[in-house]
Amino acid sequence: MSFPTKAERAKCWGARDEYWECLDKHGIQNAEKSGPCAEFRKLYETSCSSQWVKHFDRKRSYLQFKEKIEKDGIPSRTLLNQPKIFEKRRVYTKIVS
């Protein structure tokens, strides 16, 4: 596998940006191969290598998660007031001589 040229990288990034824009426009959270953005997805997959598609899909998920955390806060804060179900316990064994 050879490294893509500048033109190929630009084509890939452009296809990715168009696909993500379509997903945002339609309010779709996860990558889909069918639906209103199917043509953009197909162009995105043909313009980019499979490793790049996988990387960019993960990056989009992470960016959405990061945005949600920045907007709504950390969800585990509600769990702080819950009773401790799994506490660490010390276990002592009695040595019998």
N, C-alpha and C. Protein backbone atom coordinates (compact mmCIF):
# COMPACT_ATOMS: atom_id res chain seq x y z
N MET A 1 0.85 -1.18 0.00
CA MET A 1 0.00 0.00 0.00
C MET A 1 0.89 1.24 0.00
N SER A 2 0.66 2.10 -0.95
CA SER A 2 1.44 3.32 -1.02
C SER A 2 0.71 4.46 -0.33
N PHE A 3 1.47 5.43 0.09
CA PHE A 3 0.91 6.59 0.76
C PHE A 3 0.16 7.44 -0.26
N PRO A 4 -1.06 7.91 0.07
CA PRO A 4 -1.83 8.69 -0.90
C PRO A 4 -1.18 10.04 -1.20
N THR A 5 -1.40 10.49 -2.42
CA THR A 5 -0.87 11.79 -2.82
C THR A 5 -1.69 12.90 -2.19
N LYS A 6 -1.22 14.12 -2.35
CA LYS A 6 -1.91 15.28 -1.79
C LYS A 6 -3.32 15.39 -2.36
N ALA A 7 -3.47 15.15 -3.66
CA ALA A 7 -4.78 15.23 -4.31
C ALA A 7 -5.72 14.14 -3.77
N GLU A 8 -5.19 12.93 -3.58
CA GLU A 8 -6.01 11.83 -3.05
C GLU A 8 -6.44 12.10 -1.61
N ARG A 9 -5.54 12.66 -0.81
CA ARG A 9 -5.89 13.02 0.56
C ARG A 9 -6.97 14.09 0.58
N ALA A 10 -6.83 15.10 -0.27
CA ALA A 10 -7.82 16.18 -0.34
C ALA A 10 -9.18 15.64 -0.76
N LYS A 11 -9.18 14.71 -1.71
CA LYS A 11 -10.43 14.09 -2.17
C LYS A 11 -11.09 13.31 -1.03
N CYS A 12 -10.27 12.57 -0.29
CA CYS A 12 -10.77 11.78 0.84
C CYS A 12 -11.37 12.70 1.91
N TRP A 13 -10.63 13.73 2.29
CA TRP A 13 -11.11 14.64 3.33
C TRP A 13 -12.37 15.38 2.89
N GLY A 14 -12.44 15.73 1.61
CA GLY A 14 -13.64 16.39 1.09
C GLY A 14 -14.86 15.48 1.16
N ALA A 15 -14.66 14.20 0.77
CA ALA A 15 -15.76 13.23 0.82
C ALA A 15 -16.20 12.99 2.26
N ARG A 16 -15.22 12.92 3.16
CA ARG A 16 -15.54 12.75 4.58
C ARG A 16 -16.34 13.92 5.11
N ASP A 17 -15.91 15.12 4.79
CA ASP A 17 -16.61 16.32 5.26
C ASP A 17 -18.03 16.41 4.73
N GLU A 18 -18.23 16.06 3.46
CA GLU A 18 -19.58 16.05 2.88
C GLU A 18 -20.46 15.02 3.57
N TYR A 19 -19.90 13.85 3.83
CA TYR A 19 -20.66 12.78 4.50
C TYR A 19 -21.04 13.19 5.91
N TRP A 20 -20.07 13.73 6.67
CA TRP A 20 -20.36 14.17 8.04
C TRP A 20 -21.39 15.30 8.04
N GLU A 21 -21.30 16.19 7.06
CA GLU A 21 -22.26 17.29 6.96
C GLU A 21 -23.67 16.76 6.73
N CYS A 22 -23.78 15.73 5.90
CA CYS A 22 -25.08 15.10 5.64
C CYS A 22 -25.62 14.44 6.91
N LEU A 23 -24.74 13.73 7.64
CA LEU A 23 -25.17 13.09 8.88
C LEU A 23 -25.67 14.14 9.88
N ASP A 24 -24.94 15.25 10.00
CA ASP A 24 -25.34 16.32 10.92
C ASP A 24 -26.66 16.95 10.49
N LYS A 25 -26.82 17.15 9.19
CA LYS A 25 -28.04 17.76 8.66
C LYS A 25 -29.27 16.92 8.98
N HIS A 26 -29.11 15.60 8.91
CA HIS A 26 -30.23 14.69 9.15
C HIS A 26 -30.30 14.19 10.59
N GLY A 27 -29.38 14.64 11.43
CA GLY A 27 -29.39 14.26 12.84
C GLY A 27 -29.05 12.81 13.09
N ILE A 28 -28.24 12.23 12.24
CA ILE A 28 -27.85 10.82 12.37
C ILE A 28 -26.58 10.76 13.20
N GLN A 29 -26.60 9.96 14.27
CA GLN A 29 -25.45 9.86 15.18
C GLN A 29 -24.38 8.91 14.68
N ASN A 30 -24.78 7.71 14.28
CA ASN A 30 -23.82 6.67 13.90
C ASN A 30 -23.71 6.55 12.38
N ALA A 31 -22.57 6.09 11.93
CA ALA A 31 -22.34 5.88 10.50
C ALA A 31 -23.28 4.81 9.98
N GLU A 32 -23.89 5.09 8.84
CA GLU A 32 -24.83 4.15 8.23
C GLU A 32 -24.48 3.97 6.77
N LYS A 33 -24.72 2.76 6.27
CA LYS A 33 -24.49 2.51 4.85
C LYS A 33 -25.78 2.67 4.04
N SER A 34 -26.89 2.83 4.74
CA SER A 34 -28.16 3.05 4.05
C SER A 34 -28.80 4.32 4.62
N GLY A 35 -29.83 4.78 3.98
CA GLY A 35 -30.50 5.98 4.47
C GLY A 35 -30.24 7.17 3.57
N PRO A 36 -30.52 8.36 4.07
CA PRO A 36 -30.42 9.56 3.24
C PRO A 36 -28.99 9.93 2.84
N CYS A 37 -28.00 9.42 3.52
CA CYS A 37 -26.60 9.77 3.24
C CYS A 37 -25.83 8.62 2.59
N ALA A 38 -26.54 7.66 2.03
CA ALA A 38 -25.90 6.46 1.48
C ALA A 38 -24.95 6.80 0.33
N GLU A 39 -25.32 7.73 -0.52
CA GLU A 39 -24.46 8.10 -1.65
C GLU A 39 -23.18 8.77 -1.17
N PHE A 40 -23.30 9.62 -0.14
CA PHE A 40 -22.12 10.26 0.42
C PHE A 40 -21.21 9.23 1.07
N ARG A 41 -21.81 8.25 1.73
CA ARG A 41 -21.02 7.18 2.37
C ARG A 41 -20.26 6.38 1.33
N LYS A 42 -20.94 6.07 0.22
CA LYS A 42 -20.31 5.30 -0.84
C LYS A 42 -19.11 6.07 -1.42
N LEU A 43 -19.29 7.37 -1.66
CA LEU A 43 -18.21 8.21 -2.18
C LEU A 43 -17.07 8.29 -1.17
N TYR A 44 -17.41 8.41 0.09
CA TYR A 44 -16.44 8.47 1.19
C TYR A 44 -15.61 7.19 1.23
N GLU A 45 -16.26 6.04 1.13
CA GLU A 45 -15.55 4.76 1.19
C GLU A 45 -14.69 4.51 -0.04
N THR A 46 -15.11 5.02 -1.21
CA THR A 46 -14.30 4.83 -2.41
C THR A 46 -13.15 5.83 -2.48
N SER A 47 -13.29 6.98 -1.83
CA SER A 47 -12.25 8.01 -1.86
C SER A 47 -11.15 7.77 -0.83
N CYS A 48 -11.46 7.07 0.24
CA CYS A 48 -10.51 6.87 1.34
C CYS A 48 -10.19 5.38 1.49
N SER A 49 -9.01 5.11 2.04
CA SER A 49 -8.66 3.72 2.32
C SER A 49 -9.52 3.23 3.48
N SER A 50 -9.65 1.92 3.59
CA SER A 50 -10.50 1.36 4.64
C SER A 50 -10.00 1.72 6.04
N GLN A 51 -8.67 1.81 6.20
CA GLN A 51 -8.12 2.19 7.50
C GLN A 51 -8.50 3.62 7.86
N TRP A 52 -8.51 4.49 6.86
CA TRP A 52 -8.86 5.88 7.10
C TRP A 52 -10.35 6.01 7.43
N VAL A 53 -11.18 5.24 6.72
CA VAL A 53 -12.63 5.27 6.99
C VAL A 53 -12.88 4.83 8.42
N LYS A 54 -12.24 3.75 8.84
CA LYS A 54 -12.40 3.25 10.20
C LYS A 54 -11.93 4.30 11.21
N HIS A 55 -10.78 4.92 10.94
CA HIS A 55 -10.25 5.96 11.83
C HIS A 55 -11.20 7.15 11.91
N PHE A 56 -11.67 7.64 10.78
CA PHE A 56 -12.54 8.82 10.77
C PHE A 56 -13.89 8.52 11.43
N ASP A 57 -14.42 7.29 11.25
CA ASP A 57 -15.68 6.93 11.91
C ASP A 57 -15.51 6.94 13.43
N ARG A 58 -14.38 6.41 13.90
CA ARG A 58 -14.10 6.42 15.34
C ARG A 58 -13.90 7.86 15.84
N LYS A 59 -13.23 8.66 15.04
CA LYS A 59 -12.99 10.04 15.43
C LYS A 59 -14.30 10.80 15.56
N ARG A 60 -15.23 10.57 14.63
CA ARG A 60 -16.54 11.24 14.71
C ARG A 60 -17.27 10.84 15.99
N SER A 61 -17.24 9.55 16.31
CA SER A 61 -17.88 9.08 17.54
C SER A 61 -17.26 9.74 18.77
N TYR A 62 -15.94 9.83 18.77
CA TYR A 62 -15.24 10.45 19.90
C TYR A 62 -15.59 11.94 20.01
N LEU A 63 -15.60 12.63 18.88
CA LEU A 63 -15.93 14.06 18.90
C LEU A 63 -17.34 14.31 19.39
N GLN A 64 -18.28 13.44 19.00
CA GLN A 64 -19.66 13.57 19.50
C GLN A 64 -19.71 13.33 21.00
N PHE A 65 -18.99 12.32 21.47
CA PHE A 65 -18.95 12.02 22.90
C PHE A 65 -18.35 13.20 23.66
N LYS A 66 -17.25 13.73 23.14
CA LYS A 66 -16.58 14.86 23.78
C LYS A 66 -17.51 16.08 23.86
N GLU A 67 -18.22 16.34 22.77
CA GLU A 67 -19.15 17.47 22.74
C GLU A 67 -20.27 17.28 23.77
N LYS A 68 -20.78 16.05 23.88
CA LYS A 68 -21.84 15.76 24.83
C LYS A 68 -21.35 15.96 26.27
N ILE A 69 -20.14 15.50 26.56
CA ILE A 69 -19.57 15.65 27.91
C ILE A 69 -19.38 17.13 28.23
N GLU A 70 -18.88 17.90 27.26
CA GLU A 70 -18.68 19.33 27.50
C GLU A 70 -20.00 20.06 27.71
N LYS A 71 -21.04 19.61 27.04
CA LYS A 71 -22.35 20.25 27.14
C LYS A 71 -23.12 19.82 28.38
N ASP A 72 -23.18 18.50 28.61
CA ASP A 72 -24.02 17.95 29.68
C ASP A 72 -23.27 17.62 30.96
N GLY A 73 -21.98 17.56 30.90
CA GLY A 73 -21.21 17.18 32.08
C GLY A 73 -20.95 15.69 32.10
N ILE A 74 -20.26 15.26 33.11
CA ILE A 74 -19.89 13.85 33.23
C ILE A 74 -21.08 13.08 33.79
N PRO A 75 -21.54 12.04 33.09
CA PRO A 75 -22.72 11.31 33.54
C PRO A 75 -22.54 10.54 34.84
N SER A 76 -21.32 10.20 35.20
CA SER A 76 -21.11 9.40 36.40
C SER A 76 -21.32 10.19 37.70
N ARG A 77 -21.48 11.49 37.61
CA ARG A 77 -21.70 12.29 38.81
C ARG A 77 -23.00 11.90 39.51
N THR A 78 -23.97 11.44 38.77
CA THR A 78 -25.22 11.01 39.39
C THR A 78 -25.04 9.71 40.16
N LEU A 79 -23.99 8.97 39.85
CA LEU A 79 -23.75 7.70 40.53
C LEU A 79 -23.05 7.88 41.87
N LEU A 80 -22.55 9.07 42.15
CA LEU A 80 -21.82 9.28 43.40
C LEU A 80 -22.71 9.14 44.62
N ASN A 81 -23.99 9.43 44.50
CA ASN A 81 -24.91 9.36 45.63
C ASN A 81 -25.51 7.97 45.80
N GLN A 82 -25.18 7.05 44.92
CA GLN A 82 -25.71 5.70 44.98
C GLN A 82 -24.97 4.91 46.06
N PRO A 83 -25.65 3.92 46.67
CA PRO A 83 -24.96 3.08 47.66
C PRO A 83 -23.86 2.26 46.98
N LYS A 84 -22.84 1.98 47.73
CA LYS A 84 -21.73 1.21 47.18
C LYS A 84 -22.11 -0.26 47.12
N ILE A 85 -22.14 -0.76 45.93
CA ILE A 85 -22.50 -2.15 45.74
C ILE A 85 -21.25 -3.03 45.79
N PHE A 86 -20.22 -2.56 45.13
CA PHE A 86 -18.99 -3.32 45.05
C PHE A 86 -17.90 -2.60 45.82
N GLU A 87 -17.78 -2.92 47.07
CA GLU A 87 -16.74 -2.34 47.90
C GLU A 87 -15.55 -3.29 47.94
N LYS A 88 -14.39 -2.72 48.09
CA LYS A 88 -13.22 -3.56 48.28
C LYS A 88 -13.27 -4.10 49.70
N ARG A 89 -12.98 -5.37 49.83
CA ARG A 89 -13.01 -5.99 51.16
C ARG A 89 -11.68 -6.67 51.41
N ARG A 90 -11.26 -6.57 52.63
CA ARG A 90 -10.06 -7.30 53.00
C ARG A 90 -10.47 -8.68 53.49
N VAL A 91 -9.75 -9.62 53.03
CA VAL A 91 -10.04 -10.99 53.42
C VAL A 91 -8.84 -11.50 54.22
N TYR A 92 -9.12 -11.86 55.46
CA TYR A 92 -8.06 -12.41 56.30
C TYR A 92 -8.29 -13.90 56.45
N THR A 93 -7.23 -14.63 56.39
CA THR A 93 -7.33 -16.06 56.62
C THR A 93 -6.64 -16.39 57.93
N LYS A 94 -7.23 -17.29 58.63
CA LYS A 94 -6.69 -17.69 59.91
C LYS A 94 -5.78 -18.88 59.71
N ILE A 95 -4.58 -18.72 60.16
CA ILE A 95 -3.62 -19.81 60.03
C ILE A 95 -3.73 -20.69 61.26
N VAL A 96 -4.05 -21.93 61.04
CA VAL A 96 -4.20 -22.89 62.13
C VAL A 96 -2.93 -23.71 62.23
N SER A 97 -2.36 -23.76 63.44
CA SER A 97 -1.14 -24.53 63.61
C SER A 97 -1.45 -25.89 64.14
